[in-house]
């Protein structure tokens, strides 16, 4: 699950939060971010 950082406060602007789950889902999430051209 990913949510924008500013949902938690103004200090979170420009960040996002990830709820970590099992390793396979985390790997899939990073693969999808990379394919979408989002660098981290």
N, C-alpha and C. Protein backbone atom coordinates (compact mmCIF):
# COMPACT_ATOMS: atom_id res chain seq x y z
N UNK A 1 0.84 -1.17 0.00
CA UNK A 1 0.00 0.00 0.00
C UNK A 1 0.89 1.23 0.00
N UNK A 2 0.59 2.17 -0.85
CA UNK A 2 1.35 3.42 -0.94
C UNK A 2 0.40 4.58 -0.75
N UNK A 3 0.83 5.55 0.04
CA UNK A 3 0.02 6.76 0.23
C UNK A 3 0.93 7.98 0.19
N UNK A 4 0.39 9.11 -0.24
CA UNK A 4 1.22 10.31 -0.30
C UNK A 4 1.60 10.78 1.10
N UNK A 5 2.84 11.26 1.21
CA UNK A 5 3.33 11.71 2.52
C UNK A 5 2.54 12.86 3.09
N UNK A 6 2.02 13.75 2.22
CA UNK A 6 1.30 14.91 2.73
C UNK A 6 -0.05 14.53 3.33
N UNK A 7 -0.45 13.27 3.22
CA UNK A 7 -1.68 12.81 3.88
C UNK A 7 -1.47 12.76 5.40
N UNK A 8 -0.21 12.77 5.83
CA UNK A 8 0.10 12.68 7.26
C UNK A 8 0.45 14.02 7.87
N UNK A 9 0.96 14.93 7.05
CA UNK A 9 1.21 16.31 7.50
C UNK A 9 1.84 17.07 6.33
N UNK A 10 1.90 18.38 6.46
CA UNK A 10 2.53 19.20 5.42
C UNK A 10 4.01 18.86 5.26
N UNK A 11 4.65 18.38 6.33
CA UNK A 11 6.07 18.03 6.27
C UNK A 11 6.31 16.82 5.37
N UNK A 12 5.27 16.08 5.05
CA UNK A 12 5.41 14.92 4.19
C UNK A 12 5.33 15.22 2.70
N UNK A 13 5.14 16.49 2.34
CA UNK A 13 5.06 16.89 0.93
C UNK A 13 6.31 16.44 0.18
N UNK A 14 6.12 15.79 -0.95
CA UNK A 14 7.25 15.33 -1.75
C UNK A 14 7.71 13.92 -1.41
N UNK A 15 7.07 13.29 -0.44
CA UNK A 15 7.43 11.94 -0.02
C UNK A 15 6.21 11.04 -0.17
N UNK A 16 6.44 9.75 -0.07
CA UNK A 16 5.33 8.81 0.00
C UNK A 16 5.65 7.75 1.04
N UNK A 17 4.64 7.12 1.53
CA UNK A 17 4.80 6.08 2.55
C UNK A 17 4.39 4.74 1.97
N UNK A 18 5.15 3.73 2.30
CA UNK A 18 4.86 2.38 1.83
C UNK A 18 4.64 1.49 3.04
N UNK A 19 3.53 0.77 3.03
CA UNK A 19 3.29 -0.25 4.06
C UNK A 19 3.91 -1.54 3.53
N UNK A 20 4.94 -2.02 4.20
CA UNK A 20 5.65 -3.20 3.73
C UNK A 20 4.85 -4.46 4.01
N UNK A 21 4.82 -5.31 3.01
CA UNK A 21 4.14 -6.59 3.12
C UNK A 21 5.17 -7.67 2.82
N UNK A 22 4.74 -8.77 2.25
CA UNK A 22 5.70 -9.83 1.97
C UNK A 22 6.68 -9.41 0.87
N UNK A 23 7.81 -10.05 0.82
CA UNK A 23 8.91 -9.66 -0.06
C UNK A 23 8.49 -9.65 -1.53
N UNK A 24 7.70 -10.62 -1.96
CA UNK A 24 7.28 -10.67 -3.36
C UNK A 24 6.49 -9.43 -3.76
N UNK A 25 5.63 -8.96 -2.88
CA UNK A 25 4.84 -7.76 -3.20
C UNK A 25 5.72 -6.51 -3.23
N UNK A 26 6.71 -6.43 -2.34
CA UNK A 26 7.62 -5.29 -2.33
C UNK A 26 8.43 -5.27 -3.62
N UNK A 27 8.94 -6.43 -4.03
CA UNK A 27 9.70 -6.50 -5.28
C UNK A 27 8.83 -6.09 -6.47
N UNK A 28 7.60 -6.55 -6.50
CA UNK A 28 6.68 -6.18 -7.57
C UNK A 28 6.44 -4.67 -7.58
N UNK A 29 6.27 -4.09 -6.41
CA UNK A 29 6.04 -2.65 -6.32
C UNK A 29 7.23 -1.87 -6.87
N UNK A 30 8.45 -2.27 -6.51
CA UNK A 30 9.63 -1.57 -7.02
C UNK A 30 9.81 -1.78 -8.51
N UNK A 31 9.47 -2.95 -9.02
CA UNK A 31 9.52 -3.20 -10.45
C UNK A 31 8.55 -2.28 -11.18
N UNK A 32 7.35 -2.15 -10.66
CA UNK A 32 6.35 -1.28 -11.29
C UNK A 32 6.76 0.18 -11.23
N UNK A 33 7.34 0.61 -10.11
CA UNK A 33 7.83 1.99 -10.02
C UNK A 33 8.91 2.24 -11.07
N UNK A 34 9.84 1.29 -11.20
CA UNK A 34 10.92 1.43 -12.18
C UNK A 34 10.36 1.48 -13.60
N UNK A 35 9.41 0.59 -13.91
CA UNK A 35 8.80 0.57 -15.25
C UNK A 35 8.04 1.85 -15.55
N UNK A 36 7.53 2.50 -14.51
CA UNK A 36 6.79 3.75 -14.68
C UNK A 36 7.73 4.95 -14.79
N UNK A 37 9.04 4.69 -14.69
CA UNK A 37 10.01 5.77 -14.81
C UNK A 37 10.21 6.55 -13.53
N UNK A 38 9.79 5.98 -12.42
CA UNK A 38 9.94 6.64 -11.12
C UNK A 38 11.25 6.16 -10.50
N UNK A 39 12.16 7.09 -10.26
CA UNK A 39 13.45 6.72 -9.67
C UNK A 39 13.39 6.86 -8.16
N UNK A 40 14.17 6.08 -7.51
CA UNK A 40 14.20 6.10 -6.04
C UNK A 40 15.60 5.88 -5.56
